[in-house]
Amino acid sequence: MKSKNKPSIFFFGNQGHGSITLETCLKNNENVIGICTKLNNNRDLLNKCYSYIDRLLRYIRIRSPGGYIYRQPFERYLRPDKLASRSSIPIFSSRDLHSNKLLEFIKESEPDLILCSSFHRLIPERILALAKWKSINLHPGLLPDRGGGTPNRWAVFMGDNKSGVTAHVMTNDFDSGDILIKKQVRVYETDDCGEVEERLVPIMENVTNQILEALHGKIFLNPQSQKGKTNILPPFNRKYRQVNWNKSGIDLQRTCLALRPKSGSIAEINGLKVCIWDITFEKLTDSNYLLGEVVGTSTKNCPRVAIKDGVITINKILMNYKVKSGANLISLGIMKVGDRFKSE
């Protein structure tokens, strides 16, 4: 039984780092009085329908190298609504964010802490003001440079050598407000986004525990102003998946890594889309090849394609929801030497 005198928490968050934060609170037997999260009941049904349609299309068009989704980076973590239901905690849909129902519940509950982690919408200021102690967001990236909803995709794409978790006071702007805690992890050149996100898990747990200790008065948090304006980066979404053959080899490599493990870069050849998972790059200073031209094959029969500053070898592709050798592009007749990928 949770004590009525124990500080109370209202939680906003979604599957992923939000799951880690909420689970840490529940493991500590914190007084979580309610949560607001994205409820996926209809989306689950839609995903099943899309999967069935995709399988049917693949059966009809055997040559199609479809199936561009491999694995969601946080699929092994329970959604916050599942965690909350185990403890009989009231659950609100993120669609209720601007409703009187949610506002009145939080008003009546008088939470000490409004805690946010991996939430996809801007929480209204009228809700943030209801926290008796603080309203805090745990951002899975280093502020103020890596704001926005996909900070680690950008960290990988931009070639950052570090990422981390930033706890900050919430305001009426995304990822702004005084910084309370900032913890860093190393990012390596070969890391994909999923590996960086996974490396942040123990950091997220640690920062959550520090916030809880401060809530209970065990430690003091010293707010530090964010220096300059927060850099809110756009979502690293399908707009950035399309291969631009006029980009450098390092840009194409980083794009693939930034999109993994969910998917890869998309290119089109002979009327078919190809999902590129892994490439290697050979720099050439002088080339007469056309951009996007299949100029040969590697010793493993993987296609080699001309780009702005050299030639890439497509080592692996995502086909039918599985990572496979790029040699399939040649052996299945999807392309041959002399063919050319469609340019943007």
C-alpha atoms as a PDB file:
ATOM      1  CA  MET A   1       0.000   0.000   0.000  1.00  0.00           C
ATOM      2  CA  LYS A   2       1.403   3.356  -1.037  1.00  0.00           C
ATOM      3  CA  SER A   3       1.519   5.990   1.657  1.00  0.00           C
ATOM      4  CA  LYS A   4      -0.668   9.044   1.208  1.00  0.00           C
ATOM      5  CA  ASN A   5       2.255  11.121   2.478  1.00  0.00           C
ATOM      6  CA  LYS A   6       4.538   9.857  -0.247  1.00  0.00           C
ATOM      7  CA  PRO A   7       5.244  12.371  -3.053  1.00  0.00           C
ATOM      8  CA  SER A   8       2.997  11.732  -6.037  1.00  0.00           C
ATOM      9  CA  ILE A   9       3.936  11.534  -9.714  1.00  0.00           C
ATOM     10  CA  PHE A  10       1.900  11.962 -12.875  1.00  0.00           C
ATOM     11  CA  PHE A  11       3.699  10.473 -15.869  1.00  0.00           C
ATOM     12  CA  PHE A  12       3.676  11.338 -19.580  1.00  0.00           C
ATOM     13  CA  GLY A  13       5.528   8.961 -21.895  1.00  0.00           C
ATOM     14  CA  ASN A  14       5.530   6.313 -24.602  1.00  0.00           C
ATOM     15  CA  GLN A  15       7.140   2.958 -25.329  1.00  0.00           C
ATOM     16  CA  GLY A  16      10.915   3.129 -25.321  1.00  0.00           C
ATOM     17  CA  HIS A  17      12.779   5.293 -22.864  1.00  0.00           C
ATOM     18  CA  GLY A  18       9.376   6.144 -21.413  1.00  0.00           C
ATOM     19  CA  SER A  19       8.971   2.479 -20.513  1.00  0.00           C
ATOM     20  CA  ILE A  20      12.356   2.545 -18.742  1.00  0.00           C
ATOM     21  CA  THR A  21      11.460   5.668 -16.753  1.00  0.00           C
ATOM     22  CA  LEU A  22       8.045   4.427 -15.658  1.00  0.00           C
ATOM     23  CA  GLU A  23       9.346   0.963 -14.794  1.00  0.00           C
ATOM     24  CA  THR A  24      12.083   2.543 -12.649  1.00  0.00           C
ATOM     25  CA  CYS A  25       9.449   4.529 -10.759  1.00  0.00           C
ATOM     26  CA  LEU A  26       7.350   1.409 -10.183  1.00  0.00           C
ATOM     27  CA  LYS A  27      10.356  -0.658  -9.072  1.00  0.00           C
ATOM     28  CA  ASN A  28      10.994   2.012  -6.435  1.00  0.00           C
ATOM     29  CA  ASN A  29       7.360   1.740  -5.335  1.00  0.00           C
ATOM     30  CA  GLU A  30       6.782   5.391  -6.156  1.00  0.00           C
ATOM     31  CA  ASN A  31       3.317   6.876  -5.883  1.00  0.00           C
ATOM     32  CA  VAL A  32       2.437   7.096  -9.585  1.00  0.00           C
ATOM     33  CA  ILE A  33      -1.122   8.445  -9.600  1.00  0.00           C
ATOM     34  CA  GLY A  34      -1.762   8.339 -13.352  1.00  0.00           C
ATOM     35  CA  ILE A  35      -0.181   8.253 -16.782  1.00  0.00           C
ATOM     36  CA  CYS A  36      -0.861   9.716 -20.222  1.00  0.00           C
ATOM     37  CA  THR A  37       0.472   7.727 -23.161  1.00  0.00           C
ATOM     38  CA  LYS A  38      -0.070   6.777 -26.778  1.00  0.00           C
ATOM     39  CA  LEU A  39      -2.596   3.941 -26.869  1.00  0.00           C
ATOM     40  CA  ASN A  40      -1.953   1.632 -29.807  1.00  0.00           C
ATOM     41  CA  ASN A  41      -4.987  -0.651 -29.895  1.00  0.00           C
ATOM     42  CA  ASN A  42      -6.158   0.560 -33.316  1.00  0.00           C
ATOM     43  CA  ARG A  43      -2.596   0.855 -34.608  1.00  0.00           C
ATOM     44  CA  ASP A  44      -1.877  -2.783 -33.694  1.00  0.00           C
ATOM     45  CA  LEU A  45      -4.844  -3.878 -35.799  1.00  0.00           C
ATOM     46  CA  LEU A  46      -3.741  -1.648 -38.685  1.00  0.00           C
ATOM     47  CA  ASN A  47      -0.212  -3.046 -38.556  1.00  0.00           C
ATOM     48  CA  LYS A  48      -1.578  -6.582 -38.809  1.00  0.00           C
ATOM     49  CA  CYS A  49      -3.652  -5.551 -41.840  1.00  0.00           C
ATOM     50  CA  TYR A  50      -0.648  -3.870 -43.494  1.00  0.00           C
ATOM     51  CA  SER A  51       1.467  -6.970 -42.845  1.00  0.00           C
ATOM     52  CA  TYR A  52      -1.149  -9.214 -44.463  1.00  0.00           C
ATOM     53  CA  ILE A  53      -1.449  -6.930 -47.501  1.00  0.00           C
ATOM     54  CA  ASP A  54       2.333  -6.773 -47.864  1.00  0.00           C
ATOM     55  CA  ARG A  55       2.628 -10.575 -47.757  1.00  0.00           C
ATOM     56  CA  LEU A  56      -0.089 -10.827 -50.413  1.00  0.00           C
ATOM     57  CA  LEU A  57       1.704  -8.329 -52.655  1.00  0.00           C
ATOM     58  CA  ARG A  58       4.981 -10.198 -52.231  1.00  0.00           C
ATOM     59  CA  TYR A  59       3.224 -13.434 -53.239  1.00  0.00           C
ATOM     60  CA  ILE A  60       1.888 -11.787 -56.388  1.00  0.00           C
ATOM     61  CA  ARG A  61       5.147  -9.967 -57.253  1.00  0.00           C
ATOM     62  CA  ILE A  62       7.876 -12.442 -56.450  1.00  0.00           C
ATOM     63  CA  ARG A  63      10.588 -10.111 -57.740  1.00  0.00           C
ATOM     64  CA  SER A  64       9.682  -7.332 -55.330  1.00  0.00           C
ATOM     65  CA  PRO A  65      12.326  -6.949 -52.591  1.00  0.00           C
ATOM     66  CA  GLY A  66       9.707  -5.522 -50.216  1.00  0.00           C
ATOM     67  CA  GLY A  67       9.392  -5.696 -46.440  1.00  0.00           C
ATOM     68  CA  TYR A  68      11.306  -2.620 -45.329  1.00  0.00           C
ATOM     69  CA  ILE A  69      10.674  -2.895 -41.590  1.00  0.00           C
ATOM     70  CA  TYR A  70      13.112  -5.040 -39.647  1.00  0.00           C
ATOM     71  CA  ARG A  71      12.800  -4.334 -35.932  1.00  0.00           C
ATOM     72  CA  GLN A  72      11.578  -1.516 -33.725  1.00  0.00           C
ATOM     73  CA  PRO A  73      14.433  -0.539 -31.384  1.00  0.00           C
ATOM     74  CA  PHE A  74      12.290  -0.790 -28.245  1.00  0.00           C
ATOM     75  CA  GLU A  75       9.939  -3.615 -29.133  1.00  0.00           C
ATOM     76  CA  ARG A  76      11.130  -5.771 -26.209  1.00  0.00           C
ATOM     77  CA  TYR A  77      10.037  -3.146 -23.660  1.00  0.00           C
ATOM     78  CA  LEU A  78       6.467  -3.057 -22.403  1.00  0.00           C
ATOM     79  CA  ARG A  79       4.339  -0.081 -23.328  1.00  0.00           C
ATOM     80  CA  PRO A  80       3.616   2.301 -20.419  1.00  0.00           C
ATOM     81  CA  ASP A  81      -0.097   1.461 -20.484  1.00  0.00           C
ATOM     82  CA  LYS A  82       0.751  -2.223 -19.972  1.00  0.00           C
ATOM     83  CA  LEU A  83       3.033  -1.367 -17.054  1.00  0.00           C
ATOM     84  CA  ALA A  84       0.425   0.927 -15.507  1.00  0.00           C
ATOM     85  CA  SER A  85      -2.406  -1.592 -15.831  1.00  0.00           C
ATOM     86  CA  ARG A  86      -0.395  -4.104 -13.764  1.00  0.00           C
ATOM     87  CA  SER A  87      -0.458  -1.655 -10.867  1.00  0.00           C
ATOM     88  CA  SER A  88      -4.052  -0.433 -11.441  1.00  0.00           C
ATOM     89  CA  ILE A  89      -2.807   3.069 -12.282  1.00  0.00           C
ATOM     90  CA  PRO A  90      -5.299   5.294 -14.162  1.00  0.00           C
ATOM     91  CA  ILE A  91      -4.422   5.575 -17.860  1.00  0.00           C
ATOM     92  CA  PHE A  92      -5.206   8.459 -20.218  1.00  0.00           C
ATOM     93  CA  SER A  93      -4.721   8.506 -23.956  1.00  0.00           C
ATOM     94  CA  SER A  94      -2.403  11.131 -25.427  1.00  0.00           C
ATOM     95  CA  ARG A  95      -5.471  12.196 -27.403  1.00  0.00           C
ATOM     96  CA  ASP A  96      -6.858  13.462 -24.090  1.00  0.00           C
ATOM     97  CA  LEU A  97      -3.938  15.873 -23.664  1.00  0.00           C
ATOM     98  CA  HIS A  98      -6.084  18.972 -24.149  1.00  0.00           C
ATOM     99  CA  SER A  99      -9.241  17.559 -22.598  1.00  0.00           C
ATOM    100  CA  ASN A 100     -10.910  18.803 -19.431  1.00  0.00           C
ATOM    101  CA  LYS A 101     -11.016  15.195 -18.241  1.00  0.00           C
ATOM    102  CA  LEU A 102      -7.225  14.963 -17.980  1.00  0.00           C
ATOM    103  CA  LEU A 103      -6.861  18.512 -16.654  1.00  0.00           C
ATOM    104  CA  GLU A 104      -9.399  17.977 -13.879  1.00  0.00           C
ATOM    105  CA  PHE A 105      -7.838  14.651 -12.882  1.00  0.00           C
ATOM    106  CA  ILE A 106      -4.398  16.227 -12.489  1.00  0.00           C
ATOM    107  CA  LYS A 107      -5.876  19.231 -10.660  1.00  0.00           C
ATOM    108  CA  GLU A 108      -7.652  17.011  -8.147  1.00  0.00           C
ATOM    109  CA  SER A 109      -4.645  14.701  -7.742  1.00  0.00           C
ATOM    110  CA  GLU A 110      -2.209  17.568  -7.038  1.00  0.00           C
ATOM    111  CA  PRO A 111       0.948  15.743  -8.161  1.00  0.00           C
ATOM    112  CA  ASP A 112       4.265  16.767  -6.685  1.00  0.00           C
ATOM    113  CA  LEU A 113       6.112  15.811  -9.870  1.00  0.00           C
ATOM    114  CA  ILE A 114       4.999  15.777 -13.482  1.00  0.00           C
ATOM    115  CA  LEU A 115       7.511  13.489 -15.155  1.00  0.00           C
ATOM    116  CA  CYS A 116       7.860  13.144 -18.918  1.00  0.00           C
ATOM    117  CA  SER A 117       9.935  10.688 -20.962  1.00  0.00           C
ATOM    118  CA  SER A 118       9.641   9.982 -24.703  1.00  0.00           C
ATOM    119  CA  PHE A 119       6.325  11.774 -25.066  1.00  0.00           C
ATOM    120  CA  HIS A 120       5.466  12.885 -28.578  1.00  0.00           C
ATOM    121  CA  ARG A 121       3.438  16.017 -27.904  1.00  0.00           C
ATOM    122  CA  LEU A 122       3.965  19.377 -26.210  1.00  0.00           C
ATOM    123  CA  ILE A 123       2.339  19.324 -22.787  1.00  0.00           C
ATOM    124  CA  PRO A 124       0.166  22.423 -22.171  1.00  0.00           C
ATOM    125  CA  GLU A 125       1.550  24.982 -19.753  1.00  0.00           C
ATOM    126  CA  ARG A 126      -1.661  24.864 -17.727  1.00  0.00           C
ATOM    127  CA  ILE A 127      -0.855  21.226 -16.900  1.00  0.00           C
ATOM    128  CA  LEU A 128       2.833  21.835 -16.187  1.00  0.00           C
ATOM    129  CA  ALA A 129       1.870  24.542 -13.684  1.00  0.00           C
ATOM    130  CA  LEU A 130      -0.043  21.989 -11.604  1.00  0.00           C
ATOM    131  CA  ALA A 131       3.097  20.225 -10.352  1.00  0.00           C
ATOM    132  CA  LYS A 132       3.703  21.200  -6.736  1.00  0.00           C
ATOM    133  CA  TRP A 133       7.440  20.491  -6.995  1.00  0.00           C
ATOM    134  CA  LYS A 134       8.600  20.416 -10.631  1.00  0.00           C
ATOM    135  CA  SER A 135       7.670  19.377 -14.175  1.00  0.00           C
ATOM    136  CA  ILE A 136      10.646  17.499 -15.622  1.00  0.00           C
ATOM    137  CA  ASN A 137      11.391  15.936 -18.986  1.00  0.00           C
ATOM    138  CA  LEU A 138      14.017  13.237 -19.527  1.00  0.00           C
ATOM    139  CA  HIS A 139      15.308  13.831 -23.035  1.00  0.00           C
ATOM    140  CA  PRO A 140      17.278  10.974 -24.697  1.00  0.00           C
ATOM    141  CA  GLY A 141      19.874  13.289 -26.192  1.00  0.00           C
ATOM    142  CA  LEU A 142      22.287  16.061 -25.274  1.00  0.00           C
ATOM    143  CA  LEU A 143      20.695  19.495 -25.035  1.00  0.00           C
ATOM    144  CA  PRO A 144      20.781  22.136 -26.296  1.00  0.00           C
ATOM    145  CA  ASP A 145      22.382  20.720 -29.479  1.00  0.00           C
ATOM    146  CA  ARG A 146      20.260  17.620 -30.087  1.00  0.00           C
ATOM    147  CA  GLY A 147      16.647  18.573 -29.425  1.00  0.00           C
ATOM    148  CA  GLY A 148      13.592  17.091 -31.117  1.00  0.00           C
ATOM    149  CA  GLY A 149      12.012  13.663 -31.288  1.00  0.00           C
ATOM    150  CA  THR A 150      14.820  11.704 -33.000  1.00  0.00           C
ATOM    151  CA  PRO A 151      18.034  13.015 -31.402  1.00  0.00           C
ATOM    152  CA  ASN A 152      20.024   9.807 -31.742  1.00  0.00           C
ATOM    153  CA  ARG A 153      19.232   9.302 -35.400  1.00  0.00           C
ATOM    154  CA  TRP A 154      20.693  12.757 -35.911  1.00  0.00           C
ATOM    155  CA  ALA A 155      23.622  12.033 -33.593  1.00  0.00           C
ATOM    156  CA  VAL A 156      24.571   9.012 -35.723  1.00  0.00           C
ATOM    157  CA  PHE A 157      23.951  10.821 -39.008  1.00  0.00           C
ATOM    158  CA  MET A 158      25.996  13.868 -37.955  1.00  0.00           C
ATOM    159  CA  GLY A 159      28.874  11.701 -36.771  1.00  0.00           C
ATOM    160  CA  ASP A 160      28.646  12.729 -33.094  1.00  0.00           C
ATOM    161  CA  ASN A 161      31.035  10.932 -30.751  1.00  0.00           C
ATOM    162  CA  LYS A 162      28.687  11.219 -27.767  1.00  0.00           C
ATOM    163  CA  SER A 163      25.022  11.196 -26.823  1.00  0.00           C
ATOM    164  CA  GLY A 164      23.273  11.019 -23.491  1.00  0.00           C
ATOM    165  CA  VAL A 165      20.281  11.898 -21.334  1.00  0.00           C
ATOM    166  CA  THR A 166      19.319  15.426 -20.323  1.00  0.00           C
ATOM    167  CA  ALA A 167      16.841  16.065 -17.511  1.00  0.00           C
ATOM    168  CA  HIS A 168      15.398  19.551 -17.741  1.00  0.00           C
ATOM    169  CA  VAL A 169      12.562  21.647 -16.392  1.00  0.00           C
ATOM    170  CA  MET A 170       9.668  21.706 -18.864  1.00  0.00           C
ATOM    171  CA  THR A 171       8.378  24.936 -20.374  1.00  0.00           C
ATOM    172  CA  ASN A 172       5.914  25.783 -23.120  1.00  0.00           C
ATOM    173  CA  ASP A 173       8.625  25.064 -25.731  1.00  0.00           C
ATOM    174  CA  PHE A 174       9.996  21.656 -26.731  1.00  0.00           C
ATOM    175  CA  ASP A 175      13.170  20.564 -24.923  1.00  0.00           C
ATOM    176  CA  SER A 176      13.805  23.967 -23.395  1.00  0.00           C
ATOM    177  CA  GLY A 177      14.064  24.929 -19.726  1.00  0.00           C
ATOM    178  CA  ASP A 178      16.867  24.747 -17.210  1.00  0.00           C
ATOM    179  CA  ILE A 179      19.027  21.628 -17.254  1.00  0.00           C
ATOM    180  CA  LEU A 180      19.008  19.619 -14.018  1.00  0.00           C
ATOM    181  CA  ILE A 181      21.111  16.589 -14.970  1.00  0.00           C
ATOM    182  CA  LYS A 182      23.155  15.684 -18.047  1.00  0.00           C
ATOM    183  CA  LYS A 183      24.816  12.282 -18.503  1.00  0.00           C
ATOM    184  CA  GLN A 184      26.868  11.216 -21.511  1.00  0.00           C
ATOM    185  CA  VAL A 185      27.691   7.982 -23.332  1.00  0.00           C
ATOM    186  CA  ARG A 186      30.184   7.309 -26.114  1.00  0.00           C
ATOM    187  CA  VAL A 187      29.004   6.929 -29.698  1.00  0.00           C
ATOM    188  CA  TYR A 188      31.262   4.944 -32.059  1.00  0.00           C
ATOM    189  CA  GLU A 189      31.596   5.275 -35.829  1.00  0.00           C
ATOM    190  CA  THR A 190      30.052   1.843 -36.402  1.00  0.00           C
ATOM    191  CA  ASP A 191      27.081   2.351 -34.063  1.00  0.00           C
ATOM    192  CA  ASP A 192      23.597   2.339 -35.491  1.00  0.00           C
ATOM    193  CA  CYS A 193      20.791   4.282 -33.842  1.00  0.00           C
ATOM    194  CA  GLY A 194      19.426   1.231 -32.041  1.00  0.00           C
ATOM    195  CA  GLU A 195      22.783   0.530 -30.406  1.00  0.00           C
ATOM    196  CA  VAL A 196      22.998   4.103 -29.154  1.00  0.00           C
ATOM    197  CA  GLU A 197      19.433   3.992 -27.818  1.00  0.00           C
ATOM    198  CA  GLU A 198      20.182   0.737 -25.998  1.00  0.00           C
ATOM    199  CA  ARG A 199      23.347   2.220 -24.494  1.00  0.00           C
ATOM    200  CA  LEU A 200      21.195   4.988 -23.025  1.00  0.00           C
ATOM    201  CA  VAL A 201      18.950   2.585 -21.089  1.00  0.00           C
ATOM    202  CA  PRO A 202      21.090   2.347 -17.913  1.00  0.00           C
ATOM    203  CA  ILE A 203      21.712   6.102 -18.143  1.00  0.00           C
ATOM    204  CA  MET A 204      17.957   6.731 -18.286  1.00  0.00           C
ATOM    205  CA  GLU A 205      17.496   4.515 -15.218  1.00  0.00           C
ATOM    206  CA  ASN A 206      20.266   6.368 -13.379  1.00  0.00           C
ATOM    207  CA  VAL A 207      18.879   9.825 -14.203  1.00  0.00           C
ATOM    208  CA  THR A 208      15.361   8.736 -13.230  1.00  0.00           C
ATOM    209  CA  ASN A 209      16.670   7.538  -9.870  1.00  0.00           C
ATOM    210  CA  GLN A 210      18.429  10.855  -9.306  1.00  0.00           C
ATOM    211  CA  ILE A 211      15.213  12.752 -10.030  1.00  0.00           C
ATOM    212  CA  LEU A 212      13.371  10.534  -7.554  1.00  0.00           C
ATOM    213  CA  GLU A 213      16.039  11.104  -4.911  1.00  0.00           C
ATOM    214  CA  ALA A 214      15.669  14.847  -5.404  1.00  0.00           C
ATOM    215  CA  LEU A 215      11.890  14.510  -5.172  1.00  0.00           C
ATOM    216  CA  HIS A 216      12.334  12.857  -1.775  1.00  0.00           C
ATOM    217  CA  GLY A 217      14.780  15.550  -0.654  1.00  0.00           C
ATOM    218  CA  LYS A 218      17.800  13.230  -0.580  1.00  0.00           C
ATOM    219  CA  ILE A 219      19.841  15.264  -3.074  1.00  0.00           C
ATOM    220  CA  PHE A 220      19.726  18.804  -4.431  1.00  0.00           C
ATOM    221  CA  LEU A 221      19.481  19.601  -8.136  1.00  0.00           C
ATOM    222  CA  ASN A 222      21.275  22.711  -9.304  1.00  0.00           C
ATOM    223  CA  PRO A 223      19.464  24.119 -12.382  1.00  0.00           C
ATOM    224  CA  GLN A 224      21.706  25.336 -15.192  1.00  0.00           C
ATOM    225  CA  SER A 225      20.399  27.563 -17.951  1.00  0.00           C
ATOM    226  CA  GLN A 226      20.656  26.164 -21.473  1.00  0.00           C
ATOM    227  CA  LYS A 227      23.260  28.223 -23.286  1.00  0.00           C
ATOM    228  CA  GLY A 228      21.663  29.718 -26.367  1.00  0.00           C
ATOM    229  CA  LYS A 229      18.518  28.570 -28.118  1.00  0.00           C
ATOM    230  CA  THR A 230      17.719  24.855 -28.136  1.00  0.00           C
ATOM    231  CA  ASN A 231      18.395  23.276 -31.522  1.00  0.00           C
ATOM    232  CA  ILE A 232      15.136  21.479 -32.346  1.00  0.00           C
ATOM    233  CA  LEU A 233      15.940  19.090 -35.180  1.00  0.00           C
ATOM    234  CA  PRO A 234      13.190  17.838 -37.514  1.00  0.00           C
ATOM    235  CA  PRO A 235      12.095  14.203 -37.335  1.00  0.00           C
ATOM    236  CA  PHE A 236      14.603  11.929 -39.071  1.00  0.00           C
ATOM    237  CA  ASN A 237      11.872  10.166 -41.022  1.00  0.00           C
ATOM    238  CA  ARG A 238      11.206   8.709 -44.471  1.00  0.00           C
ATOM    239  CA  LYS A 239      12.156  12.013 -46.095  1.00  0.00           C
ATOM    240  CA  TYR A 240      15.777  11.199 -45.231  1.00  0.00           C
ATOM    241  CA  ARG A 241      15.580   7.539 -46.289  1.00  0.00           C
ATOM    242  CA  GLN A 242      15.793   8.235 -50.004  1.00  0.00           C
ATOM    243  CA  VAL A 243      19.319   7.682 -51.340  1.00  0.00           C
ATOM    244  CA  ASN A 244      20.859  10.690 -53.025  1.00  0.00           C
ATOM    245  CA  TRP A 245      23.659   9.365 -55.236  1.00  0.00           C
ATOM    246  CA  ASN A 246      25.240  12.819 -55.281  1.00  0.00           C
ATOM    247  CA  LYS A 247      26.052  12.492 -51.568  1.00  0.00           C
ATOM    248  CA  SER A 248      29.379  11.334 -50.189  1.00  0.00           C
ATOM    249  CA  GLY A 249      30.063   7.751 -49.159  1.00  0.00           C
ATOM    250  CA  ILE A 250      30.247   8.707 -45.475  1.00  0.00           C
ATOM    251  CA  ASP A 251      26.823  10.399 -45.707  1.00  0.00           C
ATOM    252  CA  LEU A 252      25.275   7.260 -47.208  1.00  0.00           C
ATOM    253  CA  GLN A 253      26.882   5.040 -44.559  1.00  0.00           C
ATOM    254  CA  ARG A 254      25.656   7.258 -41.747  1.00  0.00           C
ATOM    255  CA  THR A 255      22.157   7.385 -43.217  1.00  0.00           C
ATOM    256  CA  CYS A 256      21.934   3.583 -43.158  1.00  0.00           C
ATOM    257  CA  LEU A 257      23.200   3.494 -39.568  1.00  0.00           C
ATOM    258  CA  ALA A 258      20.840   6.272 -38.460  1.00  0.00           C
ATOM    259  CA  LEU A 259      17.820   4.344 -39.758  1.00  0.00           C
ATOM    260  CA  ARG A 260      18.725   0.971 -38.268  1.00  0.00           C
ATOM    261  CA  PRO A 261      17.448  -1.292 -36.772  1.00  0.00           C
ATOM    262  CA  LYS A 262      13.985  -0.229 -37.922  1.00  0.00           C
ATOM    263  CA  SER A 263      14.822   0.051 -41.604  1.00  0.00           C
ATOM    264  CA  GLY A 264      17.429   1.225 -44.113  1.00  0.00           C
ATOM    265  CA  SER A 265      17.949   3.651 -46.985  1.00  0.00           C
ATOM    266  CA  ILE A 266      15.624   3.392 -49.983  1.00  0.00           C
ATOM    267  CA  ALA A 267      16.697   3.487 -53.637  1.00  0.00           C
ATOM    268  CA  GLU A 268      14.859   2.620 -56.831  1.00  0.00           C
ATOM    269  CA  ILE A 269      16.134   0.678 -59.821  1.00  0.00           C
ATOM    270  CA  ASN A 270      14.291  -0.913 -62.755  1.00  0.00           C
ATOM    271  CA  GLY A 271      10.975   0.127 -61.205  1.00  0.00           C
ATOM    272  CA  LEU A 272      11.668  -1.672 -57.926  1.00  0.00           C
ATOM    273  CA  LYS A 273      12.555  -0.216 -54.550  1.00  0.00           C
ATOM    274  CA  VAL A 274      15.572  -1.577 -52.690  1.00  0.00           C
ATOM    275  CA  CYS A 275      16.194  -1.141 -48.954  1.00  0.00           C
ATOM    276  CA  ILE A 276      19.937  -0.781 -48.380  1.00  0.00           C
ATOM    277  CA  TRP A 277      21.088  -1.992 -44.950  1.00  0.00           C
ATOM    278  CA  ASP A 278      24.879  -1.942 -45.037  1.00  0.00           C
ATOM    279  CA  ILE A 279      27.494  -0.533 -47.392  1.00  0.00           C
ATOM    280  CA  THR A 280      31.248  -0.119 -47.637  1.00  0.00           C
ATOM    281  CA  PHE A 281      32.845   2.786 -49.427  1.00  0.00           C
ATOM    282  CA  GLU A 282      35.853   3.137 -51.712  1.00  0.00           C
ATOM    283  CA  LYS A 283      36.963   6.689 -52.425  1.00  0.00           C
ATOM    284  CA  LEU A 284      37.902   7.526 -56.028  1.00  0.00           C
ATOM    285  CA  THR A 285      39.331  10.867 -57.100  1.00  0.00           C
ATOM    286  CA  ASP A 286      38.612  10.437 -60.797  1.00  0.00           C
ATOM    287  CA  SER A 287      35.701   8.468 -62.216  1.00  0.00           C
ATOM    288  CA  ASN A 288      33.824   8.432 -65.512  1.00  0.00           C
ATOM    289  CA  TYR A 289      30.887   6.533 -64.033  1.00  0.00           C
ATOM    290  CA  LEU A 290      27.375   7.967 -63.914  1.00  0.00           C
ATOM    291  CA  LEU A 291      25.940   8.587 -60.444  1.00  0.00           C
ATOM    292  CA  GLY A 292      23.872   5.577 -59.360  1.00  0.00           C
ATOM    293  CA  GLU A 293      25.330   3.332 -62.069  1.00  0.00           C
ATOM    294  CA  VAL A 294      25.968  -0.329 -61.184  1.00  0.00           C
ATOM    295  CA  VAL A 295      29.621  -0.518 -62.210  1.00  0.00           C
ATOM    296  CA  GLY A 296      30.491  -4.056 -61.133  1.00  0.00           C
ATOM    297  CA  THR A 297      30.287  -6.603 -58.349  1.00  0.00           C
ATOM    298  CA  SER A 298      32.428  -7.479 -55.353  1.00  0.00           C
ATOM    299  CA  THR A 299      34.122 -10.831 -54.760  1.00  0.00           C
ATOM    300  CA  LYS A 300      30.870 -11.855 -52.993  1.00  0.00           C
ATOM    301  CA  ASN A 301      28.802 -10.788 -56.026  1.00  0.00           C
ATOM    302  CA  CYS A 302      27.389  -7.721 -54.232  1.00  0.00           C
ATOM    303  CA  PRO A 303      26.674  -4.740 -56.523  1.00  0.00           C
ATOM    304  CA  ARG A 304      29.080  -1.802 -56.650  1.00  0.00           C
ATOM    305  CA  VAL A 305      27.485   1.568 -57.376  1.00  0.00           C
ATOM    306  CA  ALA A 306      29.009   4.889 -58.393  1.00  0.00           C
ATOM    307  CA  ILE A 307      28.449   7.885 -56.089  1.00  0.00           C
ATOM    308  CA  LYS A 308      29.757  11.443 -55.867  1.00  0.00           C
ATOM    309  CA  ASP A 309      33.191  10.673 -54.474  1.00  0.00           C
ATOM    310  CA  GLY A 310      33.742   7.016 -55.262  1.00  0.00           C
ATOM    311  CA  VAL A 311      32.002   3.641 -55.305  1.00  0.00           C
ATOM    312  CA  ILE A 312      29.915   1.900 -52.650  1.00  0.00           C
ATOM    313  CA  THR A 313      29.396  -1.832 -52.296  1.00  0.00           C
ATOM    314  CA  ILE A 314      25.884  -2.831 -51.182  1.00  0.00           C
ATOM    315  CA  ASN A 315      26.820  -5.590 -48.743  1.00  0.00           C
ATOM    316  CA  LYS A 316      23.408  -6.151 -47.164  1.00  0.00           C
ATOM    317  CA  ILE A 317      19.814  -5.317 -47.958  1.00  0.00           C
ATOM    318  CA  LEU A 318      16.509  -5.599 -46.120  1.00  0.00           C
ATOM    319  CA  MET A 319      14.273  -7.939 -48.091  1.00  0.00           C
ATOM    320  CA  ASN A 320      11.045  -9.559 -46.958  1.00  0.00           C
ATOM    321  CA  TYR A 321      11.669  -8.330 -43.391  1.00  0.00           C
ATOM    322  CA  LYS A 322      15.078 -10.045 -43.233  1.00  0.00           C
ATOM    323  CA  VAL A 323      18.642  -8.776 -43.569  1.00  0.00           C
ATOM    324  CA  LYS A 324      20.162 -10.548 -46.561  1.00  0.00           C
ATOM    325  CA  SER A 325      23.278 -10.399 -48.704  1.00  0.00           C
ATOM    326  CA  GLY A 326      23.349  -7.696 -51.360  1.00  0.00           C
ATOM    327  CA  ALA A 327      24.277 -10.466 -53.801  1.00  0.00           C
ATOM    328  CA  ASN A 328      20.543 -11.242 -53.969  1.00  0.00           C
ATOM    329  CA  LEU A 329      20.089  -8.101 -56.048  1.00  0.00           C
ATOM    330  CA  ILE A 330      22.222  -9.681 -58.763  1.00  0.00           C
ATOM    331  CA  SER A 331      21.236 -13.343 -58.403  1.00  0.00           C
ATOM    332  CA  LEU A 332      17.496 -12.585 -58.415  1.00  0.00           C
ATOM    333  CA  GLY A 333      17.810 -10.432 -61.518  1.00  0.00           C
ATOM    334  CA  ILE A 334      16.728  -7.223 -59.789  1.00  0.00           C
ATOM    335  CA  MET A 335      19.722  -5.451 -61.333  1.00  0.00           C
ATOM    336  CA  LYS A 336      22.795  -6.108 -63.461  1.00  0.00           C
ATOM    337  CA  VAL A 337      26.013  -4.303 -64.255  1.00  0.00           C
ATOM    338  CA  GLY A 338      25.244  -1.274 -66.409  1.00  0.00           C
ATOM    339  CA  ASP A 339      21.851  -0.601 -64.837  1.00  0.00           C
ATOM    340  CA  ARG A 340      21.380   2.708 -63.083  1.00  0.00           C
ATOM    341  CA  PHE A 341      19.512   3.650 -59.924  1.00  0.00           C
ATOM    342  CA  LYS A 342      16.877   6.335 -60.252  1.00  0.00           C
ATOM    343  CA  SER A 343      18.152   9.735 -59.160  1.00  0.00           C
ATOM    344  CA  GLU A 344      16.136  12.082 -56.928  1.00  0.00           C
END
